[in-house]
């Protein structure tokens, strides 16, 4: 079996990263790196025969399972888009969607396009192109005849059920399992002595949740035919070989060093240009969402015009206060933001880990001098709560 390096990513590339080297279904080494920058050196030294695989935390992806997916790929993709839009309560235009057929069934996985692009570019720039990008909740080994499996990592539950796979805080995961009708029993890997909190279905503990076991299953899928997010524009590519063999003379070594330095300059320049293009595209998208009436206008000129008028003060002040009210714990997030120039008000979609988190967000807005109005009710979706809100300064 090919040696596989499995990297378990965090919520960002700066978060701690767990890794394991897998050969013939056995972990030969494993550890934790403090962010992707610390991991870069090791990645650059990998041999060309090593398959590099990464796993996304389930909180960063949406996953669904289908009993009988349409036969054609285009029909399957259309069905996937409809299911995901219903699940996420938002268009999938900004999502990268991947499909996988598993026997008679099918699996759908989606993640933000910008996130997938960032991860792919990070590994490529380290000299270790990704061959596989999976999701932790789709990499849980099956547990006998149990239809639902849950692994607990700290306060996170990674779950694979009959119709859905996800990761969420333990209490939310229990409620989601009950909502899915999985009250008959869940095969759980959790620390010894762990007991399910109130709101969880019946569980059968089957040992500890260990990353290396997750990595072994991910390696099996990566080397075989598992759900891989690297489809379409991100289809996995083999590492290009530019080796000239061992240098045997000083002249050859000097030429190699010169070529390497030149290549680094070129790569860094291209990377900077690519990053600038990404920021430009993202800024244009945000500008179009916030100001649809002038979406095609020059965003820099429009920003200068807005900031030169008295009305800009409310826009900037409201933006700052909303940002402060969101906090840094990630319990509440907003997207699909629009600004009503006439009313001086924002409207946006809210996604939160719990209904209580939305109440706390609303209280922080109130304290910040902002009036918040719920445009729609809040509903469960993908292990969380989603809805719409409008805000303006009092």
Protein backbone atom coordinates (compact mmCIF):
# COMPACT_ATOMS: atom_id res chain seq x y z
CA UNK A 1 0.00 0.00 0.00
CA UNK A 2 1.21 3.53 -0.75
CA UNK A 3 2.39 5.52 2.24
CA UNK A 4 -0.18 8.19 3.09
CA UNK A 5 0.39 11.30 5.17
CA UNK A 6 -2.96 12.28 6.71
CA UNK A 7 -3.29 15.85 7.99
CA UNK A 8 -6.27 16.72 10.21
CA UNK A 9 -6.89 20.44 9.72
CA UNK A 10 -8.38 22.84 12.25
CA UNK A 11 -10.90 25.61 11.68
CA UNK A 12 -8.10 27.69 10.12
CA UNK A 13 -4.62 26.94 8.79
CA UNK A 14 -3.20 28.63 11.90
CA UNK A 15 -4.94 26.20 14.27
CA UNK A 16 -3.10 23.12 15.64
CA UNK A 17 -2.91 20.33 13.06
CA UNK A 18 -2.80 16.62 13.86
CA UNK A 19 -0.96 14.34 11.42
CA UNK A 20 -0.25 10.66 10.97
CA UNK A 21 1.84 8.62 8.54
CA UNK A 22 -0.04 5.49 7.45
CA UNK A 23 1.43 2.46 5.69
CA UNK A 24 -0.40 -0.82 5.10
CA UNK A 25 -3.23 0.29 7.37
CA UNK A 26 -0.94 1.02 10.32
CA UNK A 27 0.15 4.37 11.74
CA UNK A 28 3.95 4.46 11.64
CA UNK A 29 4.20 7.95 13.17
CA UNK A 30 1.89 10.68 14.37
CA UNK A 31 1.96 14.02 16.12
CA UNK A 32 0.58 17.54 16.36
CA UNK A 33 1.93 20.64 14.63
CA UNK A 34 1.24 24.20 15.77
CA UNK A 35 -0.33 25.44 12.56
CA UNK A 36 0.41 24.95 8.88
CA UNK A 37 3.56 27.10 8.86
CA UNK A 38 5.25 24.64 11.23
CA UNK A 39 4.19 21.76 9.00
CA UNK A 40 5.53 23.27 5.75
CA UNK A 41 9.14 22.12 6.25
CA UNK A 42 8.12 18.50 6.79
CA UNK A 43 5.83 18.59 3.76
CA UNK A 44 8.59 19.90 1.51
CA UNK A 45 10.82 16.95 2.47
CA UNK A 46 8.30 14.23 1.57
CA UNK A 47 9.21 11.67 -1.05
CA UNK A 48 7.31 11.71 -4.32
CA UNK A 49 5.71 8.34 -3.57
CA UNK A 50 3.91 9.69 -0.48
CA UNK A 51 0.22 10.43 -1.01
CA UNK A 52 -0.79 13.59 0.87
CA UNK A 53 -4.32 13.64 2.29
CA UNK A 54 -6.12 16.24 4.39
CA UNK A 55 -9.27 16.03 6.50
CA UNK A 56 -11.60 18.97 7.08
CA UNK A 57 -13.48 19.28 10.39
CA UNK A 58 -17.17 18.61 9.79
CA UNK A 59 -18.11 22.09 11.00
CA UNK A 60 -16.62 23.48 7.76
CA UNK A 61 -18.61 21.26 5.40
CA UNK A 62 -22.16 20.16 4.67
CA UNK A 63 -22.65 16.44 4.04
CA UNK A 64 -25.71 14.48 2.98
CA UNK A 65 -26.33 10.84 2.09
CA UNK A 66 -28.77 9.67 -0.58
CA UNK A 67 -30.22 6.16 -0.86
CA UNK A 68 -30.71 6.16 -4.65
CA UNK A 69 -28.99 9.08 -6.40
CA UNK A 70 -29.83 9.88 -10.05
CA UNK A 71 -27.70 7.90 -12.50
CA UNK A 72 -26.39 10.80 -14.56
CA UNK A 73 -23.73 13.07 -13.06
CA UNK A 74 -25.53 16.26 -14.13
CA UNK A 75 -28.82 15.06 -12.61
CA UNK A 76 -26.97 13.97 -9.46
CA UNK A 77 -25.39 17.44 -9.19
CA UNK A 78 -28.77 19.14 -9.70
CA UNK A 79 -30.31 17.01 -6.94
CA UNK A 80 -27.32 17.71 -4.70
CA UNK A 81 -27.69 21.47 -5.19
CA UNK A 82 -31.38 21.36 -4.25
CA UNK A 83 -30.70 19.27 -1.15
CA UNK A 84 -27.88 21.53 0.00
CA UNK A 85 -29.85 24.72 -0.56
CA UNK A 86 -32.63 23.26 1.56
CA UNK A 87 -30.11 22.18 4.21
CA UNK A 88 -28.12 25.41 4.31
CA UNK A 89 -31.00 27.81 3.57
CA UNK A 90 -28.77 29.68 1.12
CA UNK A 91 -27.70 29.35 -2.54
CA UNK A 92 -24.83 26.99 -3.29
CA UNK A 93 -23.23 29.39 -5.76
CA UNK A 94 -20.37 30.06 -3.34
CA UNK A 95 -19.93 26.39 -2.46
CA UNK A 96 -17.71 23.73 -3.99
CA UNK A 97 -19.87 20.60 -4.29
CA UNK A 98 -18.46 17.08 -4.60
CA UNK A 99 -20.31 13.84 -5.37
CA UNK A 100 -19.53 10.21 -4.59
CA UNK A 101 -21.33 6.97 -5.37
CA UNK A 102 -21.14 4.32 -2.68
CA UNK A 103 -22.71 1.11 -3.92
CA UNK A 104 -26.39 1.85 -4.52
CA UNK A 105 -26.23 5.05 -2.50
CA UNK A 106 -24.51 8.37 -2.86
CA UNK A 107 -22.78 11.00 -0.76
CA UNK A 108 -22.76 14.78 -1.21
CA UNK A 109 -20.18 17.05 0.41
CA UNK A 110 -19.79 20.79 0.05
CA UNK A 111 -17.46 23.45 1.45
CA UNK A 112 -16.87 27.13 0.74
CA UNK A 113 -15.07 27.49 -2.58
CA UNK A 114 -12.62 29.99 -1.10
CA UNK A 115 -11.76 27.57 1.72
CA UNK A 116 -11.02 24.69 -0.65
CA UNK A 117 -8.91 26.98 -2.85
CA UNK A 118 -6.93 28.23 0.15
CA UNK A 119 -6.16 24.71 1.37
CA UNK A 120 -5.18 23.42 -2.08
CA UNK A 121 -2.89 26.41 -2.64
CA UNK A 122 -1.28 26.09 0.81
CA UNK A 123 -0.24 22.48 0.22
CA UNK A 124 0.86 23.17 -3.36
CA UNK A 125 3.04 26.08 -2.24
CA UNK A 126 4.66 23.77 0.32
CA UNK A 127 5.66 21.40 -2.48
CA UNK A 128 3.20 18.69 -1.44
CA UNK A 129 0.08 18.87 -3.64
CA UNK A 130 -3.01 17.34 -2.08
CA UNK A 131 -4.30 14.11 -3.58
CA UNK A 132 -7.26 13.81 -1.23
CA UNK A 133 -9.43 16.22 0.78
CA UNK A 134 -12.03 14.54 2.94
CA UNK A 135 -14.34 15.43 5.82
CA UNK A 136 -13.93 13.85 9.25
CA UNK A 137 -17.59 12.82 9.56
CA UNK A 138 -17.27 10.87 6.29
CA UNK A 139 -14.09 9.13 7.47
CA UNK A 140 -15.51 7.35 10.53
CA UNK A 141 -14.99 3.58 10.27
CA UNK A 142 -18.20 1.58 10.27
CA UNK A 143 -19.10 -0.09 13.55
CA UNK A 144 -20.72 -3.45 12.91
CA UNK A 145 -24.39 -3.06 12.05
CA UNK A 146 -24.78 0.27 13.86
CA UNK A 147 -26.32 2.78 11.41
CA UNK A 148 -25.11 5.74 13.46
CA UNK A 149 -21.58 6.31 14.71
CA UNK A 150 -20.36 9.20 16.88
CA UNK A 151 -16.79 9.97 17.92
CA UNK A 152 -16.13 12.48 20.67
CA UNK A 153 -13.05 14.69 20.45
CA UNK A 154 -13.14 17.00 23.48
CA UNK A 155 -16.39 18.97 23.35
CA UNK A 156 -16.93 18.05 19.68
CA UNK A 157 -19.00 15.18 18.36
CA UNK A 158 -18.22 13.86 14.89
CA UNK A 159 -21.25 11.95 13.64
CA UNK A 160 -22.11 9.71 10.71
CA UNK A 161 -25.82 8.83 10.58
CA UNK A 162 -28.02 7.19 7.96
CA UNK A 163 -29.00 10.36 6.09
CA UNK A 164 -26.49 12.94 7.24
CA UNK A 165 -22.96 13.36 8.54
CA UNK A 166 -21.79 16.35 10.57
CA UNK A 167 -19.69 17.65 13.45
CA UNK A 168 -21.06 19.87 16.21
CA UNK A 169 -20.81 20.57 19.94
CA UNK A 170 -21.85 17.51 21.93
CA UNK A 171 -25.18 18.90 23.16
CA UNK A 172 -26.26 20.08 19.71
CA UNK A 173 -25.21 16.76 18.19
CA UNK A 174 -27.50 14.87 20.55
CA UNK A 175 -30.50 16.98 19.59
CA UNK A 176 -29.68 16.57 15.91
CA UNK A 177 -29.50 12.78 16.30
CA UNK A 178 -32.90 12.69 17.97
CA UNK A 179 -34.31 14.88 15.20
CA UNK A 180 -32.94 12.40 12.67
CA UNK A 181 -34.80 9.59 14.42
CA UNK A 182 -31.68 7.87 15.75
CA UNK A 183 -33.10 7.24 19.21
CA UNK A 184 -32.59 3.45 19.10
CA UNK A 185 -28.89 3.57 19.77
CA UNK A 186 -25.65 5.15 18.67
CA UNK A 187 -22.23 3.49 18.60
CA UNK A 188 -20.03 5.97 20.45
CA UNK A 189 -16.30 6.24 20.84
CA UNK A 190 -15.67 8.41 23.88
CA UNK A 191 -13.36 8.57 26.92
CA UNK A 192 -13.93 5.87 29.51
CA UNK A 193 -16.55 6.92 32.03
CA UNK A 194 -18.24 9.32 29.64
CA UNK A 195 -22.02 9.37 29.87
CA UNK A 196 -24.32 11.09 27.38
CA UNK A 197 -25.75 14.43 28.52
CA UNK A 198 -29.48 15.02 28.67
CA UNK A 199 -30.97 15.11 25.20
CA UNK A 200 -28.78 12.35 23.78
CA UNK A 201 -30.17 9.06 22.47
CA UNK A 202 -29.13 5.71 23.91
CA UNK A 203 -25.44 5.03 23.31
CA UNK A 204 -23.19 2.00 23.16
CA UNK A 205 -19.61 2.92 24.02
CA UNK A 206 -17.08 1.09 21.85
CA UNK A 207 -13.74 2.47 23.00
CA UNK A 208 -11.88 5.74 22.72
CA UNK A 209 -11.97 8.11 19.77
CA UNK A 210 -8.40 8.20 18.47
CA UNK A 211 -7.21 10.36 15.61
CA UNK A 212 -4.91 7.61 14.31
CA UNK A 213 -7.93 5.33 13.74
CA UNK A 214 -9.64 8.13 11.84
CA UNK A 215 -6.42 8.66 9.86
CA UNK A 216 -6.24 4.97 8.92
CA UNK A 217 -9.75 5.11 7.44
CA UNK A 218 -8.96 8.39 5.66
CA UNK A 219 -5.80 6.80 4.21
CA UNK A 220 -7.84 3.84 2.98
CA UNK A 221 -10.31 6.17 1.27
CA UNK A 222 -7.52 8.34 -0.16
CA UNK A 223 -5.72 5.38 -1.68
CA UNK A 224 -8.97 3.81 -2.87
CA UNK A 225 -12.28 5.30 -3.90
CA UNK A 226 -13.57 7.45 -1.06
CA UNK A 227 -15.42 10.76 -1.06
CA UNK A 228 -12.85 13.29 -2.27
CA UNK A 229 -13.61 17.02 -2.36
CA UNK A 230 -10.87 17.45 -4.96
CA UNK A 231 -13.17 17.28 -7.97
CA UNK A 232 -13.70 19.53 -10.96
CA UNK A 233 -11.29 22.47 -10.89
CA UNK A 234 -9.57 21.01 -7.83
CA UNK A 235 -9.06 17.51 -9.18
CA UNK A 236 -6.01 15.97 -7.51
CA UNK A 237 -2.79 16.03 -9.50
CA UNK A 238 0.38 14.10 -8.99
CA UNK A 239 3.44 15.93 -7.83
CA UNK A 240 5.50 17.05 -10.81
CA UNK A 241 9.00 15.62 -10.85
CA UNK A 242 11.83 18.09 -11.42
CA UNK A 243 14.60 16.07 -9.80
CA UNK A 244 17.98 15.98 -11.56
CA UNK A 245 19.31 13.23 -9.32
CA UNK A 246 22.11 13.65 -6.78
CA UNK A 247 24.53 16.51 -7.42
CA UNK A 248 28.01 15.08 -8.02
CA UNK A 249 30.02 18.24 -8.76
CA UNK A 250 30.30 21.68 -7.22
CA UNK A 251 29.29 23.31 -10.51
CA UNK A 252 26.09 21.27 -10.56
CA UNK A 253 25.33 22.24 -6.96
CA UNK A 254 25.90 25.94 -7.68
CA UNK A 255 23.63 25.78 -10.72
CA UNK A 256 20.99 24.01 -8.67
CA UNK A 257 21.08 26.65 -5.91
CA UNK A 258 20.80 29.46 -8.48
CA UNK A 259 17.86 27.75 -10.17
CA UNK A 260 16.15 27.19 -6.81
CA UNK A 261 16.52 30.84 -5.80
CA UNK A 262 15.12 31.96 -9.16
CA UNK A 263 12.20 29.53 -8.80
CA UNK A 264 11.44 30.82 -5.30
CA UNK A 265 11.30 34.41 -6.55
CA UNK A 266 8.98 33.42 -9.40
CA UNK A 267 6.72 31.33 -7.15
CA UNK A 268 6.51 34.06 -4.50
CA UNK A 269 5.66 36.67 -7.13
CA UNK A 270 2.96 34.45 -8.62
CA UNK A 271 1.60 33.65 -5.16
CA UNK A 272 1.39 37.35 -4.27
CA UNK A 273 -0.41 38.10 -7.53
CA UNK A 274 -2.81 35.21 -6.98
CA UNK A 275 -3.54 36.43 -3.45
CA UNK A 276 -4.17 39.96 -4.71
CA UNK A 277 -6.58 38.59 -7.33
CA UNK A 278 -8.42 36.60 -4.65
CA UNK A 279 -8.78 39.66 -2.43
CA UNK A 280 -9.97 41.72 -5.41
CA UNK A 281 -12.61 39.12 -6.31
CA UNK A 282 -13.78 38.76 -2.72
CA UNK A 283 -14.00 42.54 -2.24
CA UNK A 284 -16.03 42.84 -5.46
CA UNK A 285 -18.40 40.10 -4.27
CA UNK A 286 -18.94 41.75 -0.87
CA UNK A 287 -19.45 45.15 -2.52
CA UNK A 288 -22.08 43.69 -4.87
CA UNK A 289 -23.92 42.03 -1.97
CA UNK A 290 -23.88 45.15 0.22
CA UNK A 291 -24.74 47.60 -2.60
CA UNK A 292 -26.70 45.69 -5.27
CA UNK A 293 -27.96 48.94 -6.80
CA UNK A 294 -24.39 49.88 -7.82
CA UNK A 295 -22.95 46.38 -8.14
CA UNK A 296 -21.30 47.16 -11.49
CA UNK A 297 -19.79 50.47 -10.39
CA UNK A 298 -16.12 50.93 -9.53
CA UNK A 299 -16.06 49.83 -5.88
CA UNK A 300 -13.12 52.08 -4.94
CA UNK A 301 -14.78 55.18 -6.37
CA UNK A 302 -18.07 54.22 -4.74
CA UNK A 303 -16.34 53.75 -1.38
CA UNK A 304 -14.73 57.18 -1.63
CA UNK A 305 -18.10 58.73 -2.52
CA UNK A 306 -19.80 56.99 0.39
CA UNK A 307 -17.12 57.99 2.87
CA UNK A 308 -17.20 61.61 1.70
CA UNK A 309 -20.89 61.98 2.57
CA UNK A 310 -22.44 62.37 5.99
CA UNK A 311 -24.42 59.15 5.58
CA UNK A 312 -21.22 57.15 5.57
CA UNK A 313 -20.81 57.69 9.29
CA UNK A 314 -23.82 55.50 10.08
CA UNK A 315 -22.60 52.80 7.69
CA UNK A 316 -19.10 52.67 9.22
CA UNK A 317 -20.36 52.99 12.80
CA UNK A 318 -23.04 50.34 12.35
CA UNK A 319 -20.51 47.98 10.73
CA UNK A 320 -18.10 48.43 13.63
CA UNK A 321 -20.78 47.84 16.28
CA UNK A 322 -22.16 44.72 14.58
CA UNK A 323 -18.64 43.32 14.24
CA UNK A 324 -17.96 43.90 17.95
CA UNK A 325 -21.29 42.31 18.90
CA UNK A 326 -20.43 39.16 16.93
CA UNK A 327 -17.44 38.55 19.21
CA UNK A 328 -14.63 36.12 18.50
CA UNK A 329 -16.03 32.84 19.83
CA UNK A 330 -17.60 31.88 16.49
CA UNK A 331 -20.95 31.05 18.11
CA UNK A 332 -22.74 33.34 15.65
CA UNK A 333 -21.89 34.14 12.05
CA UNK A 334 -23.55 36.33 9.43
CA UNK A 335 -23.53 36.32 5.64
CA UNK A 336 -25.57 37.51 2.61
CA UNK A 337 -25.18 41.04 4.00
CA UNK A 338 -27.05 43.95 2.37
CA UNK A 339 -27.10 47.64 3.29
CA UNK A 340 -30.25 49.73 2.78
CA UNK A 341 -28.91 53.21 1.99
CA UNK A 342 -32.27 54.95 2.50
CA UNK A 343 -32.89 53.42 5.95
CA UNK A 344 -29.27 53.16 7.05
CA UNK A 345 -29.87 49.52 7.98
CA UNK A 346 -28.18 46.18 7.44
CA UNK A 347 -30.03 42.96 6.68
CA UNK A 348 -28.24 39.62 6.85
CA UNK A 349 -28.62 35.89 7.39
CA UNK A 350 -27.68 34.58 10.82
CA UNK A 351 -26.17 31.16 11.53
CA UNK A 352 -25.60 30.13 15.15
CA UNK A 353 -24.64 27.06 17.14
CA UNK A 354 -27.73 27.43 19.34
CA UNK A 355 -30.86 29.50 19.87
CA UNK A 356 -29.28 30.84 23.07
CA UNK A 357 -26.33 32.16 21.05
CA UNK A 358 -28.76 34.18 18.90
CA UNK A 359 -30.39 35.64 22.03
CA UNK A 360 -26.96 36.62 23.39
CA UNK A 361 -26.05 38.21 20.04
CA UNK A 362 -29.31 40.19 20.09
CA UNK A 363 -28.56 41.38 23.65
CA UNK A 364 -25.05 42.51 22.65
CA UNK A 365 -26.55 44.44 19.74
CA UNK A 366 -29.02 46.09 22.12
CA UNK A 367 -26.18 47.06 24.47
CA UNK A 368 -24.27 48.52 21.50
CA UNK A 369 -27.18 50.85 20.70
CA UNK A 370 -28.54 48.79 17.81
CA UNK A 371 -32.15 47.84 17.21
CA UNK A 372 -32.40 44.27 15.90
CA UNK A 373 -35.50 42.88 14.19
CA UNK A 374 -35.99 39.23 13.26
CA UNK A 375 -37.08 39.18 9.63
CA UNK A 376 -37.91 35.48 9.79
CA UNK A 377 -38.13 32.79 12.41
CA UNK A 378 -35.10 30.66 13.22
CA UNK A 379 -34.94 27.01 12.28
CA UNK A 380 -32.58 24.09 12.70
CA UNK A 381 -30.21 23.40 9.84
CA UNK A 382 -27.00 21.34 9.63
CA UNK A 383 -26.69 21.02 13.40
CA UNK A 384 -27.28 24.74 14.07
CA UNK A 385 -29.86 27.52 13.80
CA UNK A 386 -30.40 29.85 10.82
CA UNK A 387 -32.62 32.86 10.16
CA UNK A 388 -32.65 36.47 8.95
CA UNK A 389 -32.20 39.72 10.86
CA UNK A 390 -32.29 43.47 10.15
CA UNK A 391 -30.42 46.01 12.29
CA UNK A 392 -30.14 49.80 12.48
CA UNK A 393 -28.77 52.38 14.91
CA UNK A 394 -31.21 53.66 17.52
